Amino acid sequence: MTTRRKFLTQAGLISAGMMIAPRLLSAKANDKVVGLQLYSLRDQLPADVKGGIAKVAAAGYKEVEPFGYSKEKGFWGLDAKSFSTLLNDNGLKAPSAHFGMDEYFVQGKTEALESYIEAANILGMTYVIVPSINGEVLKSADQFKEVASKMNKAAELCGKSGLKLGYHNHNFEWKPVDGTTFYDVLLKETDPKLVNMEMDIYWVVRAGQDPVELFKKNPGRFALCHLKDMDKTDHNRNTEIGRGTIDFKTILSYAKLAGLKHFIVEQENYINIDPYVSITESAAYAKNILHV
């Protein structure tokens, strides 16, 4: 038999549960993963890739974005399968990587690209990222269109293996040439279904552009972003996230509009701080303050 006291107690517990549950669901929904572009540790990983990757996991990261792969040297001396095992052993995933594309865009050869696709699939990646474009093929608006066309074809090749192509910007993409810019041509001439953009927010700001306006004008185009802050005294340098001048809170409030799925910390230089301390600080800010 249910007494009045027992009924009220049960009702109170149910009400409390109903109040708590949405918060739990919300916390889970907002539990986005923070990644690290391993270029941040370009001086450390060659000496001790296994120890370095363990420290990346200890710093609070769940994803990494490797760079510099070649079929001959692999990832810091490890072939794709061995590197994949190393990441798995440390609870890390690699949804994307930066692969050098000069051979493809300058010489028109696909051998290296095909090896990148093979490695990306071994690691279970989603994105093959073009880290930059050789300036030799970016001297005119016509060349911009040729590169965009090649990017579409590379994306089609990636697509046949279940992968997507991405492009990572610096600031040269907004240099005016023949009445346009390389970035404008890329956004216009590449197929949104094939080519994703990885916005490096620091370089966008340094180029004098507004990340939010780019999101608004090109919704859904930005699957990934790089997070690094701009030093307050020297804008040519970056600093730990939260210590600089970039308003990440406002920018990332448009993450859904942009189409962002991966948030990747990158530190290109260090000012009187140990690199592993630096990346730990940036990870904490990204997770606890930006809620990504």
C-alpha atoms as a PDB file:
ATOM      1  CA  MET A   1       0.000   0.000   0.000  1.00  0.00           C
ATOM      2  CA  THR A   2       1.354   3.413  -0.957  1.00  0.00           C
ATOM      3  CA  THR A   3       1.197   5.982   1.848  1.00  0.00           C
ATOM      4  CA  ARG A   4       0.887   9.711   1.192  1.00  0.00           C
ATOM      5  CA  ARG A   5       4.464  10.243   2.410  1.00  0.00           C
ATOM      6  CA  LYS A   6       5.767   7.476   0.145  1.00  0.00           C
ATOM      7  CA  PHE A   7       3.844   8.875  -2.817  1.00  0.00           C
ATOM      8  CA  LEU A   8       5.212  12.393  -2.259  1.00  0.00           C
ATOM      9  CA  THR A   9       8.739  11.020  -1.858  1.00  0.00           C
ATOM     10  CA  GLN A  10       8.495   9.046  -5.093  1.00  0.00           C
ATOM     11  CA  ALA A  11       6.957  12.013  -6.899  1.00  0.00           C
ATOM     12  CA  GLY A  12       9.749  14.233  -5.628  1.00  0.00           C
ATOM     13  CA  LEU A  13      12.399  11.812  -6.876  1.00  0.00           C
ATOM     14  CA  ILE A  14      10.727  11.598 -10.281  1.00  0.00           C
ATOM     15  CA  SER A  15      10.533  15.389 -10.516  1.00  0.00           C
ATOM     16  CA  ALA A  16      14.170  15.709  -9.533  1.00  0.00           C
ATOM     17  CA  GLY A  17      15.081  13.080 -12.077  1.00  0.00           C
ATOM     18  CA  MET A  18      13.190  14.955 -14.774  1.00  0.00           C
ATOM     19  CA  MET A  19      15.098  18.108 -13.877  1.00  0.00           C
ATOM     20  CA  ILE A  20      18.486  16.384 -13.847  1.00  0.00           C
ATOM     21  CA  ALA A  21      17.995  14.287 -16.974  1.00  0.00           C
ATOM     22  CA  PRO A  22      17.903  17.185 -19.462  1.00  0.00           C
ATOM     23  CA  ARG A  23      21.146  18.514 -18.001  1.00  0.00           C
ATOM     24  CA  LEU A  24      22.768  15.105 -18.371  1.00  0.00           C
ATOM     25  CA  LEU A  25      21.510  14.810 -21.920  1.00  0.00           C
ATOM     26  CA  SER A  26      22.692  18.317 -22.680  1.00  0.00           C
ATOM     27  CA  ALA A  27      26.135  17.631 -21.238  1.00  0.00           C
ATOM     28  CA  LYS A  28      26.444  14.521 -23.361  1.00  0.00           C
ATOM     29  CA  ALA A  29      25.284  16.330 -26.491  1.00  0.00           C
ATOM     30  CA  ASN A  30      27.873  19.084 -25.921  1.00  0.00           C
ATOM     31  CA  ASP A  31      30.704  16.685 -25.134  1.00  0.00           C
ATOM     32  CA  LYS A  32      32.610  17.498 -28.300  1.00  0.00           C
ATOM     33  CA  VAL A  33      36.100  16.151 -28.870  1.00  0.00           C
ATOM     34  CA  VAL A  34      39.234  18.287 -28.946  1.00  0.00           C
ATOM     35  CA  GLY A  35      42.027  17.266 -31.308  1.00  0.00           C
ATOM     36  CA  LEU A  36      45.668  18.295 -31.706  1.00  0.00           C
ATOM     37  CA  GLN A  37      47.479  19.024 -34.960  1.00  0.00           C
ATOM     38  CA  LEU A  38      50.744  17.184 -34.398  1.00  0.00           C
ATOM     39  CA  TYR A  39      52.711  19.932 -36.174  1.00  0.00           C
ATOM     40  CA  SER A  40      52.545  21.487 -32.709  1.00  0.00           C
ATOM     41  CA  LEU A  41      55.118  18.852 -31.652  1.00  0.00           C
ATOM     42  CA  ARG A  42      57.206  18.753 -34.826  1.00  0.00           C
ATOM     43  CA  ASP A  43      60.432  19.110 -32.799  1.00  0.00           C
ATOM     44  CA  GLN A  44      59.486  16.515 -30.165  1.00  0.00           C
ATOM     45  CA  LEU A  45      57.924  13.613 -32.086  1.00  0.00           C
ATOM     46  CA  PRO A  46      60.922  12.681 -34.284  1.00  0.00           C
ATOM     47  CA  ALA A  47      62.953  11.965 -31.137  1.00  0.00           C
ATOM     48  CA  ASP A  48      60.289   9.935 -29.325  1.00  0.00           C
ATOM     49  CA  VAL A  49      57.054   9.398 -31.210  1.00  0.00           C
ATOM     50  CA  LYS A  50      55.686   6.814 -28.776  1.00  0.00           C
ATOM     51  CA  GLY A  51      56.387   8.908 -25.697  1.00  0.00           C
ATOM     52  CA  GLY A  52      55.097  12.037 -27.396  1.00  0.00           C
ATOM     53  CA  ILE A  53      51.800  10.461 -28.400  1.00  0.00           C
ATOM     54  CA  ALA A  54      51.318   9.201 -24.830  1.00  0.00           C
ATOM     55  CA  LYS A  55      51.812  12.760 -23.562  1.00  0.00           C
ATOM     56  CA  VAL A  56      49.261  14.067 -26.079  1.00  0.00           C
ATOM     57  CA  ALA A  57      46.672  11.676 -24.655  1.00  0.00           C
ATOM     58  CA  ALA A  58      47.640  12.653 -21.104  1.00  0.00           C
ATOM     59  CA  ALA A  59      47.164  16.325 -22.032  1.00  0.00           C
ATOM     60  CA  GLY A  60      43.462  15.631 -22.586  1.00  0.00           C
ATOM     61  CA  TYR A  61      43.170  15.073 -26.323  1.00  0.00           C
ATOM     62  CA  LYS A  62      41.036  12.371 -27.934  1.00  0.00           C
ATOM     63  CA  GLU A  63      41.960  13.063 -31.552  1.00  0.00           C
ATOM     64  CA  VAL A  64      45.117  13.964 -33.423  1.00  0.00           C
ATOM     65  CA  GLU A  65      45.811  15.312 -36.887  1.00  0.00           C
ATOM     66  CA  PRO A  66      49.143  13.956 -38.168  1.00  0.00           C
ATOM     67  CA  PHE A  67      51.255  15.559 -40.890  1.00  0.00           C
ATOM     68  CA  GLY A  68      54.264  14.787 -43.043  1.00  0.00           C
ATOM     69  CA  TYR A  69      53.446  11.207 -44.032  1.00  0.00           C
ATOM     70  CA  SER A  70      55.311   9.490 -46.837  1.00  0.00           C
ATOM     71  CA  LYS A  71      55.152   5.858 -47.890  1.00  0.00           C
ATOM     72  CA  GLU A  72      58.905   5.540 -47.389  1.00  0.00           C
ATOM     73  CA  LYS A  73      59.159   7.115 -43.915  1.00  0.00           C
ATOM     74  CA  GLY A  74      55.602   6.678 -42.670  1.00  0.00           C
ATOM     75  CA  PHE A  75      54.627   8.709 -39.605  1.00  0.00           C
ATOM     76  CA  TRP A  76      57.882   9.448 -37.744  1.00  0.00           C
ATOM     77  CA  GLY A  77      59.338   6.099 -38.769  1.00  0.00           C
ATOM     78  CA  LEU A  78      56.177   4.072 -38.169  1.00  0.00           C
ATOM     79  CA  ASP A  79      54.186   2.669 -41.060  1.00  0.00           C
ATOM     80  CA  ALA A  80      50.476   3.473 -41.151  1.00  0.00           C
ATOM     81  CA  LYS A  81      49.432   0.241 -39.423  1.00  0.00           C
ATOM     82  CA  SER A  82      51.969   0.633 -36.603  1.00  0.00           C
ATOM     83  CA  PHE A  83      51.037   4.279 -36.107  1.00  0.00           C
ATOM     84  CA  SER A  84      47.366   3.324 -36.001  1.00  0.00           C
ATOM     85  CA  THR A  85      48.135   0.780 -33.283  1.00  0.00           C
ATOM     86  CA  LEU A  86      50.059   3.415 -31.317  1.00  0.00           C
ATOM     87  CA  LEU A  87      47.093   5.778 -31.448  1.00  0.00           C
ATOM     88  CA  ASN A  88      44.638   3.055 -30.445  1.00  0.00           C
ATOM     89  CA  ASP A  89      46.836   2.039 -27.515  1.00  0.00           C
ATOM     90  CA  ASN A  90      46.601   5.637 -26.246  1.00  0.00           C
ATOM     91  CA  GLY A  91      42.869   6.038 -26.803  1.00  0.00           C
ATOM     92  CA  LEU A  92      43.354   8.396 -29.745  1.00  0.00           C
ATOM     93  CA  LYS A  93      41.757   8.637 -33.171  1.00  0.00           C
ATOM     94  CA  ALA A  94      42.913  10.450 -36.313  1.00  0.00           C
ATOM     95  CA  PRO A  95      39.914  11.645 -38.337  1.00  0.00           C
ATOM     96  CA  SER A  96      42.172  13.701 -40.610  1.00  0.00           C
ATOM     97  CA  ALA A  97      45.789  14.332 -41.591  1.00  0.00           C
ATOM     98  CA  HIS A  98      47.761  16.893 -43.579  1.00  0.00           C
ATOM     99  CA  PHE A  99      49.392  15.372 -46.666  1.00  0.00           C
ATOM    100  CA  GLY A 100      51.843  17.197 -48.942  1.00  0.00           C
ATOM    101  CA  MET A 101      50.208  17.708 -52.344  1.00  0.00           C
ATOM    102  CA  ASP A 102      52.823  19.561 -54.432  1.00  0.00           C
ATOM    103  CA  GLU A 103      53.444  16.511 -56.596  1.00  0.00           C
ATOM    104  CA  TYR A 104      49.767  16.418 -57.493  1.00  0.00           C
ATOM    105  CA  PHE A 105      48.996  20.108 -57.930  1.00  0.00           C
ATOM    106  CA  VAL A 106      52.289  21.130 -59.562  1.00  0.00           C
ATOM    107  CA  GLN A 107      53.274  18.009 -61.507  1.00  0.00           C
ATOM    108  CA  GLY A 108      49.872  16.384 -61.954  1.00  0.00           C
ATOM    109  CA  LYS A 109      51.034  13.044 -60.549  1.00  0.00           C
ATOM    110  CA  THR A 110      48.688  10.941 -58.413  1.00  0.00           C
ATOM    111  CA  GLU A 111      51.065   8.317 -56.980  1.00  0.00           C
ATOM    112  CA  ALA A 112      51.634  10.118 -53.678  1.00  0.00           C
ATOM    113  CA  LEU A 113      47.930  10.969 -53.347  1.00  0.00           C
ATOM    114  CA  GLU A 114      47.065   7.306 -53.828  1.00  0.00           C
ATOM    115  CA  SER A 115      49.509   6.368 -51.038  1.00  0.00           C
ATOM    116  CA  TYR A 116      47.893   8.966 -48.773  1.00  0.00           C
ATOM    117  CA  ILE A 117      44.463   7.490 -49.429  1.00  0.00           C
ATOM    118  CA  GLU A 118      45.806   4.047 -48.540  1.00  0.00           C
ATOM    119  CA  ALA A 119      47.315   5.317 -45.267  1.00  0.00           C
ATOM    120  CA  ALA A 120      44.189   7.310 -44.392  1.00  0.00           C
ATOM    121  CA  ASN A 121      42.037   4.224 -44.744  1.00  0.00           C
ATOM    122  CA  ILE A 122      44.398   2.143 -42.594  1.00  0.00           C
ATOM    123  CA  LEU A 123      44.036   4.727 -39.819  1.00  0.00           C
ATOM    124  CA  GLY A 124      40.269   4.980 -40.241  1.00  0.00           C
ATOM    125  CA  MET A 125      40.361   8.633 -41.263  1.00  0.00           C
ATOM    126  CA  THR A 126      37.540  10.606 -42.834  1.00  0.00           C
ATOM    127  CA  TYR A 127      39.486  13.516 -44.345  1.00  0.00           C
ATOM    128  CA  VAL A 128      42.604  13.865 -46.486  1.00  0.00           C
ATOM    129  CA  ILE A 129      43.660  17.483 -45.934  1.00  0.00           C
ATOM    130  CA  VAL A 130      45.606  19.662 -48.374  1.00  0.00           C
ATOM    131  CA  PRO A 131      47.814  21.702 -45.984  1.00  0.00           C
ATOM    132  CA  SER A 132      48.777  24.407 -48.491  1.00  0.00           C
ATOM    133  CA  ILE A 133      49.340  25.051 -52.202  1.00  0.00           C
ATOM    134  CA  ASN A 134      52.654  25.808 -53.886  1.00  0.00           C
ATOM    135  CA  GLY A 135      52.708  29.457 -54.906  1.00  0.00           C
ATOM    136  CA  GLU A 136      54.095  28.578 -58.345  1.00  0.00           C
ATOM    137  CA  VAL A 137      50.601  27.546 -59.449  1.00  0.00           C
ATOM    138  CA  LEU A 138      48.811  30.505 -57.844  1.00  0.00           C
ATOM    139  CA  LYS A 139      49.954  33.472 -59.900  1.00  0.00           C
ATOM    140  CA  SER A 140      46.730  34.209 -61.796  1.00  0.00           C
ATOM    141  CA  ALA A 141      42.974  33.784 -61.567  1.00  0.00           C
ATOM    142  CA  ASP A 142      43.155  31.186 -64.332  1.00  0.00           C
ATOM    143  CA  GLN A 143      45.605  29.166 -62.268  1.00  0.00           C
ATOM    144  CA  PHE A 144      43.262  29.457 -59.296  1.00  0.00           C
ATOM    145  CA  LYS A 145      40.537  27.789 -61.378  1.00  0.00           C
ATOM    146  CA  GLU A 146      42.928  25.088 -62.577  1.00  0.00           C
ATOM    147  CA  VAL A 147      43.854  24.257 -58.980  1.00  0.00           C
ATOM    148  CA  ALA A 148      40.188  24.200 -57.975  1.00  0.00           C
ATOM    149  CA  SER A 149      39.468  21.792 -60.840  1.00  0.00           C
ATOM    150  CA  LYS A 150      42.319  19.533 -59.737  1.00  0.00           C
ATOM    151  CA  MET A 151      40.982  19.688 -56.184  1.00  0.00           C
ATOM    152  CA  ASN A 152      37.592  18.435 -57.363  1.00  0.00           C
ATOM    153  CA  LYS A 153      39.290  15.556 -59.190  1.00  0.00           C
ATOM    154  CA  ALA A 154      41.373  14.684 -56.123  1.00  0.00           C
ATOM    155  CA  ALA A 155      38.192  14.742 -54.043  1.00  0.00           C
ATOM    156  CA  GLU A 156      36.544  12.341 -56.498  1.00  0.00           C
ATOM    157  CA  LEU A 157      39.524  10.006 -56.154  1.00  0.00           C
ATOM    158  CA  CYS A 158      39.259  10.185 -52.361  1.00  0.00           C
ATOM    159  CA  GLY A 159      35.528   9.568 -52.565  1.00  0.00           C
ATOM    160  CA  LYS A 160      36.044   6.274 -54.367  1.00  0.00           C
ATOM    161  CA  SER A 161      37.779   5.043 -51.220  1.00  0.00           C
ATOM    162  CA  GLY A 162      35.172   6.454 -48.861  1.00  0.00           C
ATOM    163  CA  LEU A 163      37.228   9.522 -47.930  1.00  0.00           C
ATOM    164  CA  LYS A 164      36.669  13.267 -48.179  1.00  0.00           C
ATOM    165  CA  LEU A 165      39.105  15.977 -49.253  1.00  0.00           C
ATOM    166  CA  GLY A 166      39.726  19.081 -47.191  1.00  0.00           C
ATOM    167  CA  TYR A 167      41.695  22.313 -47.637  1.00  0.00           C
ATOM    168  CA  HIS A 168      43.551  24.119 -44.835  1.00  0.00           C
ATOM    169  CA  ASN A 169      44.137  27.849 -45.259  1.00  0.00           C
ATOM    170  CA  HIS A 170      46.901  30.239 -44.279  1.00  0.00           C
ATOM    171  CA  ASN A 171      46.576  33.961 -45.067  1.00  0.00           C
ATOM    172  CA  PHE A 172      47.968  34.159 -48.614  1.00  0.00           C
ATOM    173  CA  GLU A 173      44.631  32.876 -49.940  1.00  0.00           C
ATOM    174  CA  TRP A 174      43.181  36.403 -49.621  1.00  0.00           C
ATOM    175  CA  LYS A 175      45.904  38.191 -51.595  1.00  0.00           C
ATOM    176  CA  PRO A 176      44.123  40.029 -54.437  1.00  0.00           C
ATOM    177  CA  VAL A 177      45.043  38.683 -57.897  1.00  0.00           C
ATOM    178  CA  ASP A 178      43.249  39.612 -61.136  1.00  0.00           C
ATOM    179  CA  GLY A 179      40.321  41.077 -59.238  1.00  0.00           C
ATOM    180  CA  THR A 180      39.720  38.043 -57.055  1.00  0.00           C
ATOM    181  CA  THR A 181      41.384  35.877 -54.394  1.00  0.00           C
ATOM    182  CA  PHE A 182      42.350  32.226 -54.327  1.00  0.00           C
ATOM    183  CA  TYR A 183      39.965  31.526 -51.441  1.00  0.00           C
ATOM    184  CA  ASP A 184      37.015  33.105 -53.232  1.00  0.00           C
ATOM    185  CA  VAL A 185      37.740  30.973 -56.290  1.00  0.00           C
ATOM    186  CA  LEU A 186      38.070  27.823 -54.179  1.00  0.00           C
ATOM    187  CA  LEU A 187      34.696  28.378 -52.536  1.00  0.00           C
ATOM    188  CA  LYS A 188      33.058  29.121 -55.873  1.00  0.00           C
ATOM    189  CA  GLU A 189      34.712  26.514 -58.101  1.00  0.00           C
ATOM    190  CA  THR A 190      35.019  23.480 -55.827  1.00  0.00           C
ATOM    191  CA  ASP A 191      32.076  21.158 -55.288  1.00  0.00           C
ATOM    192  CA  PRO A 192      30.699  21.588 -51.737  1.00  0.00           C
ATOM    193  CA  LYS A 193      29.778  17.905 -51.726  1.00  0.00           C
ATOM    194  CA  LEU A 194      33.366  16.923 -52.475  1.00  0.00           C
ATOM    195  CA  VAL A 195      35.666  19.556 -50.959  1.00  0.00           C
ATOM    196  CA  ASN A 196      35.487  20.490 -47.278  1.00  0.00           C
ATOM    197  CA  MET A 197      37.235  23.488 -45.781  1.00  0.00           C
ATOM    198  CA  GLU A 198      39.407  23.315 -42.683  1.00  0.00           C
ATOM    199  CA  MET A 199      39.377  26.865 -41.354  1.00  0.00           C
ATOM    200  CA  ASP A 200      42.531  27.920 -39.550  1.00  0.00           C
ATOM    201  CA  ILE A 201      40.919  30.668 -37.493  1.00  0.00           C
ATOM    202  CA  TYR A 202      44.210  32.340 -36.568  1.00  0.00           C
ATOM    203  CA  TRP A 203      45.252  32.725 -40.201  1.00  0.00           C
ATOM    204  CA  VAL A 204      41.810  33.983 -41.218  1.00  0.00           C
ATOM    205  CA  VAL A 205      41.994  36.712 -38.575  1.00  0.00           C
ATOM    206  CA  ARG A 206      45.601  37.519 -39.489  1.00  0.00           C
ATOM    207  CA  ALA A 207      44.479  37.942 -43.113  1.00  0.00           C
ATOM    208  CA  GLY A 208      42.014  40.592 -41.940  1.00  0.00           C
ATOM    209  CA  GLN A 209      38.998  38.386 -42.594  1.00  0.00           C
ATOM    210  CA  ASP A 210      36.007  37.638 -40.350  1.00  0.00           C
ATOM    211  CA  PRO A 211      35.483  33.916 -39.630  1.00  0.00           C
ATOM    212  CA  VAL A 212      31.825  34.467 -38.755  1.00  0.00           C
ATOM    213  CA  GLU A 213      31.124  36.231 -42.057  1.00  0.00           C
ATOM    214  CA  LEU A 214      32.756  33.359 -43.923  1.00  0.00           C
ATOM    215  CA  PHE A 215      30.526  30.933 -42.041  1.00  0.00           C
ATOM    216  CA  LYS A 216      27.425  32.976 -42.853  1.00  0.00           C
ATOM    217  CA  LYS A 217      28.244  33.272 -46.546  1.00  0.00           C
ATOM    218  CA  ASN A 218      29.260  29.615 -46.899  1.00  0.00           C
ATOM    219  CA  PRO A 219      27.152  27.602 -44.439  1.00  0.00           C
ATOM    220  CA  GLY A 220      28.067  23.972 -44.043  1.00  0.00           C
ATOM    221  CA  ARG A 221      31.401  24.232 -45.901  1.00  0.00           C
ATOM    222  CA  PHE A 222      33.673  24.054 -42.848  1.00  0.00           C
ATOM    223  CA  ALA A 223      33.940  20.531 -41.469  1.00  0.00           C
ATOM    224  CA  LEU A 224      37.060  21.197 -39.414  1.00  0.00           C
ATOM    225  CA  CYS A 225      38.839  24.128 -37.796  1.00  0.00           C
ATOM    226  CA  HIS A 226      42.217  24.902 -36.276  1.00  0.00           C
ATOM    227  CA  LEU A 227      42.262  26.685 -32.941  1.00  0.00           C
ATOM    228  CA  LYS A 228      45.274  28.794 -32.105  1.00  0.00           C
ATOM    229  CA  ASP A 229      45.271  32.216 -30.508  1.00  0.00           C
ATOM    230  CA  MET A 230      46.972  35.430 -31.637  1.00  0.00           C
ATOM    231  CA  ASP A 231      49.614  36.851 -29.312  1.00  0.00           C
ATOM    232  CA  LYS A 232      48.533  40.202 -27.875  1.00  0.00           C
ATOM    233  CA  THR A 233      51.831  41.982 -28.491  1.00  0.00           C
ATOM    234  CA  ASP A 234      53.069  40.251 -31.654  1.00  0.00           C
ATOM    235  CA  HIS A 235      50.309  39.258 -34.059  1.00  0.00           C
ATOM    236  CA  ASN A 236      52.804  37.283 -36.123  1.00  0.00           C
ATOM    237  CA  ARG A 237      53.015  34.764 -33.296  1.00  0.00           C
ATOM    238  CA  ASN A 238      50.394  32.598 -31.669  1.00  0.00           C
ATOM    239  CA  THR A 239      49.827  31.750 -28.054  1.00  0.00           C
ATOM    240  CA  GLU A 240      47.821  29.361 -25.937  1.00  0.00           C
ATOM    241  CA  ILE A 241      44.073  29.517 -26.500  1.00  0.00           C
ATOM    242  CA  GLY A 242      42.498  32.047 -24.165  1.00  0.00           C
ATOM    243  CA  ARG A 243      45.670  34.113 -23.732  1.00  0.00           C
ATOM    244  CA  GLY A 244      45.433  36.028 -26.981  1.00  0.00           C
ATOM    245  CA  THR A 245      43.173  38.377 -28.908  1.00  0.00           C
ATOM    246  CA  ILE A 246      40.823  36.043 -30.797  1.00  0.00           C
ATOM    247  CA  ASP A 247      37.203  35.868 -29.631  1.00  0.00           C
ATOM    248  CA  PHE A 248      36.729  32.117 -29.927  1.00  0.00           C
ATOM    249  CA  LYS A 249      33.516  32.128 -27.913  1.00  0.00           C
ATOM    250  CA  THR A 250      31.734  34.276 -30.481  1.00  0.00           C
ATOM    251  CA  ILE A 251      33.285  32.551 -33.490  1.00  0.00           C
ATOM    252  CA  LEU A 252      32.471  29.034 -32.303  1.00  0.00           C
ATOM    253  CA  SER A 253      28.923  29.986 -31.372  1.00  0.00           C
ATOM    254  CA  TYR A 254      28.393  29.655 -35.152  1.00  0.00           C
ATOM    255  CA  ALA A 255      29.869  26.141 -35.273  1.00  0.00           C
ATOM    256  CA  LYS A 256      26.585  24.508 -36.262  1.00  0.00           C
ATOM    257  CA  LEU A 257      26.013  26.980 -39.094  1.00  0.00           C
ATOM    258  CA  ALA A 258      29.568  26.443 -40.308  1.00  0.00           C
ATOM    259  CA  GLY A 259      29.175  22.671 -40.279  1.00  0.00           C
ATOM    260  CA  LEU A 260      32.064  22.168 -37.866  1.00  0.00           C
ATOM    261  CA  LYS A 261      32.620  18.632 -36.628  1.00  0.00           C
ATOM    262  CA  HIS A 262      36.270  18.663 -35.537  1.00  0.00           C
ATOM    263  CA  PHE A 263      38.044  21.268 -33.366  1.00  0.00           C
ATOM    264  CA  ILE A 264      41.821  20.961 -33.623  1.00  0.00           C
ATOM    265  CA  VAL A 265      44.316  22.838 -31.466  1.00  0.00           C
ATOM    266  CA  GLU A 266      47.550  23.887 -33.162  1.00  0.00           C
ATOM    267  CA  GLN A 267      50.495  25.746 -31.688  1.00  0.00           C
ATOM    268  CA  GLU A 268      53.098  26.919 -34.197  1.00  0.00           C
ATOM    269  CA  ASN A 269      55.472  28.554 -31.744  1.00  0.00           C
ATOM    270  CA  TYR A 270      56.125  28.683 -28.009  1.00  0.00           C
ATOM    271  CA  ILE A 271      57.090  31.636 -25.842  1.00  0.00           C
ATOM    272  CA  ASN A 272      58.822  30.619 -22.591  1.00  0.00           C
ATOM    273  CA  ILE A 273      56.647  27.541 -22.081  1.00  0.00           C
ATOM    274  CA  ASP A 274      57.167  23.810 -22.420  1.00  0.00           C
ATOM    275  CA  PRO A 275      55.262  22.539 -25.473  1.00  0.00           C
ATOM    276  CA  TYR A 276      53.473  19.826 -23.502  1.00  0.00           C
ATOM    277  CA  VAL A 277      52.396  22.351 -20.856  1.00  0.00           C
ATOM    278  CA  SER A 278      51.188  24.626 -23.656  1.00  0.00           C
ATOM    279  CA  ILE A 279      49.043  22.012 -25.384  1.00  0.00           C
ATOM    280  CA  THR A 280      47.601  20.913 -22.040  1.00  0.00           C
ATOM    281  CA  GLU A 281      46.568  24.480 -21.250  1.00  0.00           C
ATOM    282  CA  SER A 282      44.941  24.938 -24.655  1.00  0.00           C
ATOM    283  CA  ALA A 283      43.068  21.627 -24.349  1.00  0.00           C
ATOM    284  CA  ALA A 284      41.677  22.635 -20.961  1.00  0.00           C
ATOM    285  CA  TYR A 285      40.518  26.014 -22.280  1.00  0.00           C
ATOM    286  CA  ALA A 286      38.909  24.463 -25.336  1.00  0.00           C
ATOM    287  CA  LYS A 287      36.994  21.921 -23.255  1.00  0.00           C
ATOM    288  CA  ASN A 288      36.107  23.904 -20.155  1.00  0.00           C
ATOM    289  CA  ILE A 289      35.611  27.398 -21.542  1.00  0.00           C
ATOM    290  CA  LEU A 290      34.650  26.905 -25.190  1.00  0.00           C
ATOM    291  CA  HIS A 291      32.761  23.666 -24.460  1.00  0.00           C
ATOM    292  CA  VAL A 292      34.049  21.924 -27.577  1.00  0.00           C
END
